[in-house]
Amino acid sequence: MRLIVGLGNPGPEFQWTPHNLGFLAVDELANRAGIRVERPEAKALVGLGKIGGEDVILAKPQTFMNLSGISVRELLEKYQLGPQDLLAMWDEAQLPWGGIRIQSEGSAGSHNGAKSIVGSLGTQVFARLRLGCGPDHPLSSRKEYVLRAMKKAELEVAAEMIADVGDAVELLLAQGIQAAMNKYNRRELQQDEAAET
């Protein structure tokens, strides 16, 4: 069984902000698999089902971003899972819009939700999928940037990226994280190289 957690902030005012890309990714997976993510459990909204032939728990923590790790830890404990069974998804302002990056471990960087998970679990070794929302200009406030409503063009790129995330997670569950990393991380590298030439 795999716990797939998307990070975001609860409440309609945050729904279409870059900081809620993790929630939108969970919604995409839920729609594809016919899973309803609405049961309150361990400070999250949760839904159970199957993706890629594997039993999954889809979860959207309702603690607000900075305390996401509390909910993640409680969910892992409740279902008797460990960090090796976790896939966490969050927005990443260090990646360009539309880019996704899959890793089996790593630091939380500057993302407060990721920091909360690392702090609550006491390890950086868990699978993560980061959704790019990086600006094309220097920011005076990253917080304001990720908590503002997405513009029309950003929503269009986000929709394509979320569809890619759905495909990537299905591949990860069916064939393993290395297969997903090989396909999706390489694509991002090719886009970067094309932009440089």
N, C-alpha and C. Protein backbone atom coordinates (compact mmCIF):
# COMPACT_ATOMS: atom_id res chain seq x y z
N MET A 1 0.84 -1.20 0.00
CA MET A 1 0.00 0.00 0.00
C MET A 1 0.88 1.25 0.00
N ARG A 2 0.44 2.28 -0.71
CA ARG A 2 1.22 3.51 -0.84
C ARG A 2 0.38 4.70 -0.39
N LEU A 3 0.98 5.57 0.42
CA LEU A 3 0.34 6.83 0.82
C LEU A 3 0.83 7.92 -0.13
N ILE A 4 -0.11 8.52 -0.85
CA ILE A 4 0.21 9.60 -1.79
C ILE A 4 -0.41 10.88 -1.25
N VAL A 5 0.44 11.82 -0.88
CA VAL A 5 0.00 13.05 -0.22
C VAL A 5 0.31 14.24 -1.12
N GLY A 6 -0.68 15.08 -1.35
CA GLY A 6 -0.47 16.34 -2.04
C GLY A 6 -0.54 17.47 -1.01
N LEU A 7 0.41 18.39 -1.07
CA LEU A 7 0.44 19.48 -0.10
C LEU A 7 -0.28 20.71 -0.64
N GLY A 8 -0.93 21.42 0.29
CA GLY A 8 -1.63 22.64 -0.06
C GLY A 8 -2.21 23.27 1.19
N ASN A 9 -3.04 24.27 0.99
CA ASN A 9 -3.74 24.92 2.10
C ASN A 9 -5.23 24.73 1.91
N PRO A 10 -5.97 24.38 2.99
CA PRO A 10 -7.41 24.23 2.86
C PRO A 10 -8.11 25.57 2.69
N GLY A 11 -9.27 25.55 2.07
CA GLY A 11 -10.06 26.77 1.92
C GLY A 11 -10.12 27.23 0.48
N PRO A 12 -11.29 27.72 0.04
CA PRO A 12 -11.48 28.13 -1.36
C PRO A 12 -10.56 29.25 -1.80
N GLU A 13 -10.13 30.10 -0.87
CA GLU A 13 -9.28 31.22 -1.26
C GLU A 13 -7.89 30.77 -1.72
N PHE A 14 -7.52 29.54 -1.37
CA PHE A 14 -6.19 29.03 -1.76
C PHE A 14 -6.26 28.05 -2.93
N GLN A 15 -7.47 27.68 -3.36
CA GLN A 15 -7.63 26.55 -4.28
C GLN A 15 -6.80 26.68 -5.56
N TRP A 16 -6.78 27.88 -6.15
CA TRP A 16 -6.12 28.05 -7.45
C TRP A 16 -4.82 28.83 -7.33
N THR A 17 -4.11 28.67 -6.22
CA THR A 17 -2.81 29.30 -6.04
C THR A 17 -1.70 28.29 -6.37
N PRO A 18 -0.51 28.76 -6.75
CA PRO A 18 0.59 27.83 -7.02
C PRO A 18 0.89 26.90 -5.83
N HIS A 19 0.69 27.41 -4.62
CA HIS A 19 1.01 26.62 -3.42
C HIS A 19 0.10 25.40 -3.28
N ASN A 20 -1.00 25.35 -4.05
CA ASN A 20 -1.93 24.22 -3.95
C ASN A 20 -1.81 23.24 -5.11
N LEU A 21 -0.71 23.30 -5.84
CA LEU A 21 -0.53 22.35 -6.94
C LEU A 21 -0.54 20.91 -6.45
N GLY A 22 -0.06 20.67 -5.24
CA GLY A 22 -0.10 19.30 -4.69
C GLY A 22 -1.52 18.80 -4.52
N PHE A 23 -2.41 19.67 -4.03
CA PHE A 23 -3.83 19.29 -3.91
C PHE A 23 -4.41 18.98 -5.29
N LEU A 24 -4.09 19.83 -6.27
CA LEU A 24 -4.62 19.63 -7.62
C LEU A 24 -4.12 18.32 -8.23
N ALA A 25 -2.88 17.94 -7.90
CA ALA A 25 -2.34 16.67 -8.38
C ALA A 25 -3.09 15.49 -7.77
N VAL A 26 -3.42 15.57 -6.48
CA VAL A 26 -4.23 14.52 -5.85
C VAL A 26 -5.61 14.44 -6.49
N ASP A 27 -6.20 15.60 -6.78
CA ASP A 27 -7.51 15.61 -7.43
C ASP A 27 -7.46 14.91 -8.78
N GLU A 28 -6.37 15.12 -9.53
CA GLU A 28 -6.21 14.46 -10.84
C GLU A 28 -6.15 12.95 -10.67
N LEU A 29 -5.34 12.49 -9.74
CA LEU A 29 -5.23 11.04 -9.49
C LEU A 29 -6.57 10.47 -9.05
N ALA A 30 -7.27 11.20 -8.19
CA ALA A 30 -8.58 10.74 -7.70
C ALA A 30 -9.58 10.63 -8.85
N ASN A 31 -9.60 11.63 -9.72
CA ASN A 31 -10.53 11.62 -10.85
C ASN A 31 -10.25 10.44 -11.78
N ARG A 32 -8.98 10.19 -12.04
CA ARG A 32 -8.62 9.08 -12.93
C ARG A 32 -9.02 7.73 -12.36
N ALA A 33 -8.85 7.59 -11.04
CA ALA A 33 -9.06 6.28 -10.41
C ALA A 33 -10.46 6.12 -9.81
N GLY A 34 -11.28 7.17 -9.90
CA GLY A 34 -12.62 7.10 -9.32
C GLY A 34 -12.59 7.02 -7.80
N ILE A 35 -11.64 7.73 -7.19
CA ILE A 35 -11.50 7.75 -5.72
C ILE A 35 -12.04 9.07 -5.19
N ARG A 36 -12.84 9.01 -4.16
CA ARG A 36 -13.37 10.22 -3.54
C ARG A 36 -12.51 10.57 -2.33
N VAL A 37 -11.86 11.72 -2.40
CA VAL A 37 -10.96 12.15 -1.33
C VAL A 37 -11.73 13.13 -0.44
N GLU A 38 -12.49 12.56 0.51
CA GLU A 38 -13.36 13.43 1.31
C GLU A 38 -13.54 12.95 2.75
N ARG A 39 -12.97 11.80 3.09
CA ARG A 39 -13.15 11.30 4.45
C ARG A 39 -12.16 11.97 5.40
N PRO A 40 -12.64 12.62 6.48
CA PRO A 40 -11.71 13.23 7.42
C PRO A 40 -10.98 12.16 8.24
N GLU A 41 -9.66 12.25 8.22
CA GLU A 41 -8.85 11.24 8.90
C GLU A 41 -7.46 11.81 9.15
N ALA A 42 -6.96 11.72 10.35
CA ALA A 42 -5.59 12.13 10.67
C ALA A 42 -5.29 13.54 10.15
N LYS A 43 -6.22 14.46 10.41
CA LYS A 43 -6.05 15.87 10.01
C LYS A 43 -5.91 16.03 8.50
N ALA A 44 -6.57 15.15 7.74
CA ALA A 44 -6.51 15.21 6.27
C ALA A 44 -7.85 14.77 5.70
N LEU A 45 -8.05 15.07 4.42
CA LEU A 45 -9.12 14.45 3.65
C LEU A 45 -8.50 13.28 2.91
N VAL A 46 -9.14 12.12 3.00
CA VAL A 46 -8.52 10.87 2.55
C VAL A 46 -9.48 10.09 1.65
N GLY A 47 -8.91 9.36 0.69
CA GLY A 47 -9.67 8.43 -0.13
C GLY A 47 -8.82 7.21 -0.43
N LEU A 48 -9.43 6.03 -0.43
CA LEU A 48 -8.71 4.78 -0.69
C LEU A 48 -9.16 4.18 -2.01
N GLY A 49 -8.21 3.56 -2.71
CA GLY A 49 -8.53 2.91 -3.98
C GLY A 49 -7.30 2.24 -4.56
N LYS A 50 -7.33 2.06 -5.89
CA LYS A 50 -6.20 1.42 -6.58
C LYS A 50 -5.73 2.30 -7.74
N ILE A 51 -4.42 2.42 -7.89
CA ILE A 51 -3.82 3.09 -9.04
C ILE A 51 -2.66 2.22 -9.51
N GLY A 52 -2.62 1.96 -10.81
CA GLY A 52 -1.53 1.14 -11.35
C GLY A 52 -1.45 -0.23 -10.70
N GLY A 53 -2.60 -0.75 -10.30
CA GLY A 53 -2.64 -2.07 -9.68
C GLY A 53 -2.23 -2.10 -8.23
N GLU A 54 -1.91 -0.93 -7.66
CA GLU A 54 -1.47 -0.88 -6.26
C GLU A 54 -2.51 -0.19 -5.39
N ASP A 55 -2.71 -0.72 -4.18
CA ASP A 55 -3.60 -0.05 -3.22
C ASP A 55 -2.97 1.27 -2.80
N VAL A 56 -3.78 2.34 -2.83
CA VAL A 56 -3.27 3.65 -2.46
C VAL A 56 -4.20 4.35 -1.49
N ILE A 57 -3.60 5.23 -0.70
CA ILE A 57 -4.34 6.19 0.11
C ILE A 57 -3.99 7.56 -0.46
N LEU A 58 -4.98 8.27 -0.96
CA LEU A 58 -4.77 9.64 -1.42
C LEU A 58 -5.14 10.57 -0.28
N ALA A 59 -4.31 11.58 -0.02
CA ALA A 59 -4.57 12.45 1.12
C ALA A 59 -4.20 13.90 0.82
N LYS A 60 -5.04 14.80 1.36
CA LYS A 60 -4.79 16.24 1.31
C LYS A 60 -4.82 16.76 2.75
N PRO A 61 -3.66 16.96 3.38
CA PRO A 61 -3.64 17.45 4.76
C PRO A 61 -4.40 18.77 4.90
N GLN A 62 -5.14 18.90 5.99
CA GLN A 62 -5.95 20.09 6.23
C GLN A 62 -5.36 20.96 7.35
N THR A 63 -4.08 20.78 7.61
CA THR A 63 -3.42 21.46 8.73
C THR A 63 -2.85 22.81 8.36
N PHE A 64 -2.96 23.22 7.11
CA PHE A 64 -2.19 24.30 6.51
C PHE A 64 -0.77 23.79 6.27
N MET A 65 -0.16 24.39 5.25
CA MET A 65 1.09 23.88 4.69
C MET A 65 2.18 23.63 5.74
N ASN A 66 2.40 24.59 6.62
CA ASN A 66 3.55 24.53 7.52
C ASN A 66 3.50 23.39 8.52
N LEU A 67 2.31 22.77 8.68
CA LEU A 67 2.16 21.66 9.64
C LEU A 67 1.80 20.35 8.95
N SER A 68 2.02 20.28 7.64
CA SER A 68 1.63 19.09 6.87
C SER A 68 2.20 17.80 7.43
N GLY A 69 3.41 17.87 7.98
CA GLY A 69 4.08 16.66 8.46
C GLY A 69 3.35 15.97 9.59
N ILE A 70 2.60 16.73 10.38
CA ILE A 70 1.82 16.12 11.48
C ILE A 70 0.82 15.14 10.91
N SER A 71 0.10 15.59 9.88
CA SER A 71 -0.90 14.73 9.25
C SER A 71 -0.25 13.53 8.56
N VAL A 72 0.85 13.77 7.85
CA VAL A 72 1.54 12.68 7.15
C VAL A 72 2.00 11.60 8.14
N ARG A 73 2.59 12.02 9.25
CA ARG A 73 3.05 11.05 10.25
C ARG A 73 1.87 10.25 10.82
N GLU A 74 0.77 10.94 11.13
CA GLU A 74 -0.41 10.24 11.68
C GLU A 74 -0.99 9.25 10.68
N LEU A 75 -1.00 9.61 9.41
CA LEU A 75 -1.53 8.69 8.39
C LEU A 75 -0.64 7.46 8.25
N LEU A 76 0.68 7.66 8.22
CA LEU A 76 1.59 6.52 8.13
C LEU A 76 1.41 5.59 9.33
N GLU A 77 1.28 6.18 10.52
CA GLU A 77 1.10 5.36 11.72
C GLU A 77 -0.23 4.61 11.67
N LYS A 78 -1.29 5.29 11.26
CA LYS A 78 -2.62 4.68 11.25
C LYS A 78 -2.65 3.45 10.33
N TYR A 79 -1.99 3.57 9.17
CA TYR A 79 -2.02 2.47 8.19
C TYR A 79 -0.80 1.56 8.29
N GLN A 80 -0.02 1.75 9.36
CA GLN A 80 1.16 0.91 9.62
C GLN A 80 2.11 0.89 8.42
N LEU A 81 2.39 2.10 7.92
CA LEU A 81 3.30 2.28 6.80
C LEU A 81 4.53 3.04 7.28
N GLY A 82 5.58 3.00 6.46
CA GLY A 82 6.80 3.74 6.78
C GLY A 82 7.10 4.77 5.72
N PRO A 83 8.14 5.58 5.91
CA PRO A 83 8.51 6.59 4.92
C PRO A 83 8.74 6.00 3.52
N GLN A 84 9.15 4.74 3.46
CA GLN A 84 9.38 4.10 2.16
C GLN A 84 8.08 3.91 1.38
N ASP A 85 6.94 4.03 2.05
CA ASP A 85 5.64 3.86 1.40
C ASP A 85 4.99 5.20 1.02
N LEU A 86 5.71 6.28 1.24
CA LEU A 86 5.17 7.63 1.04
C LEU A 86 5.59 8.19 -0.31
N LEU A 87 4.66 8.85 -0.99
CA LEU A 87 4.96 9.73 -2.12
C LEU A 87 4.33 11.08 -1.80
N ALA A 88 5.15 12.10 -1.64
CA ALA A 88 4.65 13.44 -1.33
C ALA A 88 4.81 14.33 -2.56
N MET A 89 3.82 15.18 -2.82
CA MET A 89 3.83 16.06 -3.99
C MET A 89 3.63 17.49 -3.53
N TRP A 90 4.50 18.38 -4.03
CA TRP A 90 4.36 19.79 -3.65
C TRP A 90 4.86 20.70 -4.77
N ASP A 91 4.45 21.98 -4.66
CA ASP A 91 4.87 23.01 -5.62
C ASP A 91 6.34 23.35 -5.39
N GLU A 92 7.01 23.74 -6.46
CA GLU A 92 8.44 24.05 -6.35
C GLU A 92 8.77 25.29 -7.18
N ALA A 93 9.04 26.39 -6.49
CA ALA A 93 9.36 27.65 -7.17
C ALA A 93 10.77 27.64 -7.76
N GLN A 94 11.58 26.61 -7.46
CA GLN A 94 12.92 26.51 -8.03
C GLN A 94 12.90 25.83 -9.40
N LEU A 95 11.76 25.25 -9.78
CA LEU A 95 11.62 24.60 -11.09
C LEU A 95 10.76 25.48 -11.99
N PRO A 96 11.01 25.48 -13.29
CA PRO A 96 10.19 26.29 -14.20
C PRO A 96 8.76 25.76 -14.29
N TRP A 97 7.85 26.65 -14.64
CA TRP A 97 6.45 26.24 -14.80
C TRP A 97 6.35 25.05 -15.74
N GLY A 98 5.60 24.05 -15.34
CA GLY A 98 5.35 22.89 -16.18
C GLY A 98 6.34 21.76 -15.99
N GLY A 99 7.49 22.03 -15.35
CA GLY A 99 8.48 20.98 -15.13
C GLY A 99 8.14 20.17 -13.90
N ILE A 100 8.36 18.88 -13.97
CA ILE A 100 8.19 18.05 -12.76
C ILE A 100 9.51 17.32 -12.48
N ARG A 101 9.75 17.08 -11.21
CA ARG A 101 10.98 16.41 -10.80
C ARG A 101 10.63 15.35 -9.77
N ILE A 102 11.03 14.12 -10.04
CA ILE A 102 10.75 12.99 -9.15
C ILE A 102 12.07 12.57 -8.51
N GLN A 103 12.06 12.38 -7.19
CA GLN A 103 13.26 11.96 -6.48
C GLN A 103 12.88 10.94 -5.40
N SER A 104 13.82 10.08 -5.07
CA SER A 104 13.59 9.09 -4.03
C SER A 104 13.97 9.60 -2.65
N GLU A 105 14.71 10.72 -2.62
CA GLU A 105 15.11 11.32 -1.35
C GLU A 105 15.69 12.69 -1.63
N GLY A 106 16.00 13.44 -0.58
CA GLY A 106 16.61 14.75 -0.77
C GLY A 106 16.17 15.72 0.31
N SER A 107 16.78 16.90 0.29
CA SER A 107 16.43 17.90 1.29
C SER A 107 15.08 18.52 0.96
N ALA A 108 14.54 19.23 1.93
CA ALA A 108 13.26 19.91 1.73
C ALA A 108 13.42 21.24 1.02
N GLY A 109 14.66 21.70 0.87
CA GLY A 109 14.89 23.00 0.27
C GLY A 109 14.24 24.08 1.14
N SER A 110 13.60 25.04 0.49
CA SER A 110 12.99 26.15 1.22
C SER A 110 11.48 25.97 1.39
N HIS A 111 10.96 24.79 1.03
CA HIS A 111 9.51 24.57 1.07
C HIS A 111 9.07 24.18 2.48
N ASN A 112 8.20 24.99 3.08
CA ASN A 112 7.82 24.76 4.48
C ASN A 112 7.03 23.47 4.69
N GLY A 113 6.20 23.09 3.73
CA GLY A 113 5.47 21.83 3.85
C GLY A 113 6.41 20.64 3.84
N ALA A 114 7.39 20.68 2.93
CA ALA A 114 8.39 19.61 2.86
C ALA A 114 9.23 19.57 4.13
N LYS A 115 9.60 20.76 4.64
CA LYS A 115 10.36 20.82 5.90
C LYS A 115 9.57 20.17 7.03
N SER A 116 8.26 20.41 7.04
CA SER A 116 7.41 19.85 8.09
C SER A 116 7.39 18.32 8.01
N ILE A 117 7.33 17.77 6.79
CA ILE A 117 7.34 16.31 6.63
C ILE A 117 8.67 15.74 7.11
N VAL A 118 9.77 16.34 6.65
CA VAL A 118 11.10 15.85 7.06
C VAL A 118 11.23 15.91 8.58
N GLY A 119 10.78 17.01 9.18
CA GLY A 119 10.87 17.16 10.64
C GLY A 119 10.02 16.15 11.38
N SER A 120 8.81 15.90 10.87
CA SER A 120 7.89 14.97 11.55
C SER A 120 8.33 13.52 11.40
N LEU A 121 8.92 13.17 10.26
CA LEU A 121 9.32 11.78 10.02
C LEU A 121 10.75 11.51 10.48
N GLY A 122 11.54 12.57 10.62
CA GLY A 122 12.93 12.39 11.03
C GLY A 122 13.80 11.79 9.95
N THR A 123 13.39 11.93 8.69
CA THR A 123 14.18 11.41 7.57
C THR A 123 13.89 12.21 6.31
N GLN A 124 14.89 12.27 5.42
CA GLN A 124 14.71 12.86 4.10
C GLN A 124 14.51 11.79 3.04
N VAL A 125 14.49 10.54 3.47
CA VAL A 125 14.41 9.43 2.52
C VAL A 125 12.94 9.02 2.33
N PHE A 126 12.29 9.69 1.40
CA PHE A 126 10.94 9.31 0.96
C PHE A 126 10.76 9.89 -0.44
N ALA A 127 9.93 9.24 -1.24
CA ALA A 127 9.72 9.68 -2.62
C ALA A 127 8.96 11.00 -2.63
N ARG A 128 9.37 11.86 -3.57
CA ARG A 128 8.68 13.13 -3.72
C ARG A 128 8.59 13.50 -5.19
N LEU A 129 7.53 14.20 -5.51
CA LEU A 129 7.32 14.70 -6.87
C LEU A 129 7.05 16.20 -6.74
N ARG A 130 7.93 16.99 -7.34
CA ARG A 130 7.82 18.45 -7.21
C ARG A 130 7.28 19.03 -8.51
N LEU A 131 6.34 19.95 -8.36
CA LEU A 131 5.65 20.55 -9.51
C LEU A 131 6.15 21.98 -9.70
N GLY A 132 6.75 22.24 -10.86
CA GLY A 132 7.38 23.53 -11.10
C GLY A 132 6.41 24.68 -11.24
N CYS A 133 6.71 25.76 -10.52
CA CYS A 133 5.90 26.99 -10.64
C CYS A 133 6.82 28.20 -10.55
N GLY A 134 8.08 28.03 -10.99
CA GLY A 134 9.07 29.08 -10.83
C GLY A 134 8.78 30.30 -11.69
N PRO A 135 8.99 31.48 -11.13
CA PRO A 135 8.74 32.72 -11.88
C PRO A 135 9.84 32.97 -12.90
N ASP A 136 9.52 33.79 -13.91
CA ASP A 136 10.53 34.15 -14.90
C ASP A 136 11.18 35.49 -14.57
N HIS A 137 11.02 35.92 -13.31
CA HIS A 137 11.59 37.19 -12.87
C HIS A 137 11.94 37.08 -11.38
N PRO A 138 12.86 37.88 -10.89
CA PRO A 138 13.20 37.84 -9.46
C PRO A 138 11.99 38.20 -8.60
N LEU A 139 11.89 37.58 -7.44
CA LEU A 139 10.75 37.81 -6.55
C LEU A 139 11.14 38.68 -5.37
N SER A 140 10.25 39.60 -5.03
CA SER A 140 10.46 40.35 -3.78
C SER A 140 9.92 39.54 -2.61
N SER A 141 8.88 38.72 -2.87
CA SER A 141 8.31 37.87 -1.82
C SER A 141 7.84 36.55 -2.43
N ARG A 142 8.54 35.46 -2.11
CA ARG A 142 8.12 34.15 -2.61
C ARG A 142 6.76 33.78 -2.02
N LYS A 143 6.55 34.13 -0.76
CA LYS A 143 5.28 33.79 -0.10
C LYS A 143 4.10 34.41 -0.85
N GLU A 144 4.21 35.70 -1.19
CA GLU A 144 3.12 36.35 -1.92
C GLU A 144 2.93 35.70 -3.29
N TYR A 145 4.02 35.32 -3.92
CA TYR A 145 3.96 34.73 -5.26
C TYR A 145 3.19 33.40 -5.24
N VAL A 146 3.50 32.52 -4.29
CA VAL A 146 2.86 31.20 -4.29
C VAL A 146 1.45 31.22 -3.71
N LEU A 147 1.08 32.30 -3.02
CA LEU A 147 -0.25 32.37 -2.41
C LEU A 147 -1.22 33.26 -3.20
N ARG A 148 -0.79 33.74 -4.36
CA ARG A 148 -1.70 34.54 -5.19
C ARG A 148 -2.41 33.62 -6.18
N ALA A 149 -3.53 34.09 -6.72
CA ALA A 149 -4.26 33.29 -7.71
C ALA A 149 -3.43 33.16 -8.98
N MET A 150 -3.45 31.97 -9.58
CA MET A 150 -2.73 31.76 -10.83
C MET A 150 -3.40 32.53 -11.97
N LYS A 151 -2.58 33.02 -12.88
CA LYS A 151 -3.09 33.71 -14.06
C LYS A 151 -3.56 32.67 -15.07
N LYS A 152 -4.31 33.16 -16.08
CA LYS A 152 -4.88 32.25 -17.08
C LYS A 152 -3.80 31.39 -17.75
N ALA A 153 -2.73 32.01 -18.18
CA ALA A 153 -1.66 31.26 -18.86
C ALA A 153 -1.04 30.24 -17.92
N GLU A 154 -0.89 30.59 -16.64
CA GLU A 154 -0.33 29.67 -15.66
C GLU A 154 -1.28 28.49 -15.42
N LEU A 155 -2.57 28.76 -15.38
CA LEU A 155 -3.55 27.69 -15.20
C LEU A 155 -3.49 26.69 -16.35
N GLU A 156 -3.28 27.20 -17.58
CA GLU A 156 -3.19 26.31 -18.73
C GLU A 156 -1.96 25.41 -18.64
N VAL A 157 -0.82 26.00 -18.26
CA VAL A 157 0.41 25.20 -18.09
C VAL A 157 0.22 24.22 -16.93
N ALA A 158 -0.41 24.70 -15.84
CA ALA A 158 -0.64 23.83 -14.68
C ALA A 158 -1.48 22.62 -15.05
N ALA A 159 -2.51 22.82 -15.88
CA ALA A 159 -3.38 21.71 -16.27
C ALA A 159 -2.59 20.64 -17.03
N GLU A 160 -1.69 21.08 -17.93
CA GLU A 160 -0.86 20.12 -18.66
C GLU A 160 0.10 19.40 -17.72
N MET A 161 0.68 20.16 -16.78
CA MET A 161 1.62 19.57 -15.83
C MET A 161 0.92 18.55 -14.94
N ILE A 162 -0.30 18.88 -14.47
CA ILE A 162 -1.06 17.96 -13.61
C ILE A 162 -1.37 16.66 -14.35
N ALA A 163 -1.67 16.77 -15.65
CA ALA A 163 -1.91 15.56 -16.46
C ALA A 163 -0.63 14.72 -16.53
N ASP A 164 0.53 15.40 -16.70
CA ASP A 164 1.81 14.68 -16.70
C ASP A 164 2.05 13.99 -15.36
N VAL A 165 1.69 14.67 -14.28
CA VAL A 165 1.85 14.08 -12.94
C VAL A 165 1.03 12.82 -12.82
N GLY A 166 -0.21 12.86 -13.33
CA GLY A 166 -1.04 11.66 -13.30
C GLY A 166 -0.37 10.50 -14.01
N ASP A 167 0.17 10.77 -15.20
CA ASP A 167 0.88 9.72 -15.95
C ASP A 167 2.12 9.25 -15.19
N ALA A 168 2.85 10.20 -14.60
CA ALA A 168 4.10 9.86 -13.91
C ALA A 168 3.83 8.98 -12.68
N VAL A 169 2.78 9.31 -11.93
CA VAL A 169 2.47 8.53 -10.73
C VAL A 169 2.00 7.13 -11.13
N GLU A 170 1.19 7.04 -12.18
CA GLU A 170 0.76 5.72 -12.66
C GLU A 170 1.97 4.86 -13.06
N LEU A 171 2.93 5.48 -13.75
CA LEU A 171 4.15 4.77 -14.15
C LEU A 171 4.96 4.37 -12.92
N LEU A 172 5.10 5.29 -11.97
CA LEU A 172 5.85 5.01 -10.74
C LEU A 172 5.27 3.81 -9.99
N LEU A 173 3.95 3.78 -9.89
CA LEU A 173 3.31 2.69 -9.15
C LEU A 173 3.40 1.37 -9.91
N ALA A 174 3.34 1.43 -11.24
CA ALA A 174 3.34 0.19 -12.03
C ALA A 174 4.75 -0.36 -12.23
N GLN A 175 5.74 0.54 -12.42
CA GLN A 175 7.08 0.08 -12.81
C GLN A 175 8.20 0.51 -11.87
N GLY A 176 7.87 1.34 -10.86
CA GLY A 176 8.88 1.77 -9.90
C GLY A 176 9.34 3.20 -10.15
N ILE A 177 9.96 3.77 -9.11
CA ILE A 177 10.34 5.18 -9.17
C ILE A 177 11.42 5.44 -10.20
N GLN A 178 12.32 4.49 -10.42
CA GLN A 178 13.40 4.72 -11.38
C GLN A 178 12.86 4.91 -12.78
N ALA A 179 11.84 4.12 -13.14
CA ALA A 179 11.24 4.26 -14.48
C ALA A 179 10.61 5.64 -14.64
N ALA A 180 9.95 6.11 -13.58
CA ALA A 180 9.32 7.44 -13.64
C ALA A 180 10.37 8.54 -13.70
N MET A 181 11.44 8.39 -12.94
CA MET A 181 12.53 9.38 -12.96
C MET A 181 13.18 9.43 -14.34
N ASN A 182 13.43 8.26 -14.91
CA ASN A 182 14.08 8.20 -16.22
C ASN A 182 13.26 8.92 -17.28
N LYS A 183 11.96 8.74 -17.24
CA LYS A 183 11.10 9.34 -18.27
C LYS A 183 10.87 10.82 -18.04
N TYR A 184 10.51 11.20 -16.82
CA TYR A 184 10.04 12.58 -16.59
C TYR A 184 11.16 13.53 -16.21
N ASN A 185 12.16 13.08 -15.48
CA ASN A 185 13.28 13.98 -15.17
C ASN A 185 14.11 14.26 -16.41
N ARG A 186 14.24 13.27 -17.28
CA ARG A 186 15.01 13.44 -18.51
C ARG A 186 14.31 14.44 -19.44
N ARG A 187 12.98 14.37 -19.49
CA ARG A 187 12.23 15.28 -20.35
C ARG A 187 12.50 16.73 -19.95
N GLU A 188 12.51 16.97 -18.64
CA GLU A 188 12.77 18.33 -18.14
C GLU A 188 14.18 18.78 -18.53
N LEU A 189 15.15 17.86 -18.45
CA LEU A 189 16.53 18.16 -18.82
C LEU A 189 16.60 18.52 -20.30
N GLN A 190 15.89 17.78 -21.15
CA GLN A 190 15.87 18.06 -22.58
C GLN A 190 15.28 19.44 -22.86
N GLN A 191 14.23 19.80 -22.12
CA GLN A 191 13.62 21.12 -22.30
C GLN A 191 14.61 22.21 -21.92
N ASP A 192 15.35 22.01 -20.83
CA ASP A 192 16.35 22.99 -20.41
C ASP A 192 17.43 23.15 -21.48
N GLU A 193 17.88 22.00 -22.03
CA GLU A 193 18.93 22.05 -23.04
C GLU A 193 18.44 22.75 -24.30
N ALA A 194 17.18 22.50 -24.67
CA ALA A 194 16.60 23.13 -25.86
C ALA A 194 16.50 24.65 -25.66
N ALA A 195 16.20 25.06 -24.45
CA ALA A 195 16.07 26.49 -24.15
C ALA A 195 17.42 27.19 -24.22
N GLU A 196 18.50 26.44 -23.95
CA GLU A 196 19.83 27.04 -23.94
C GLU A 196 20.41 27.17 -25.35
N THR A 197 19.91 26.38 -26.30
CA THR A 197 20.48 26.39 -27.67
C THR A 197 19.76 27.39 -28.55
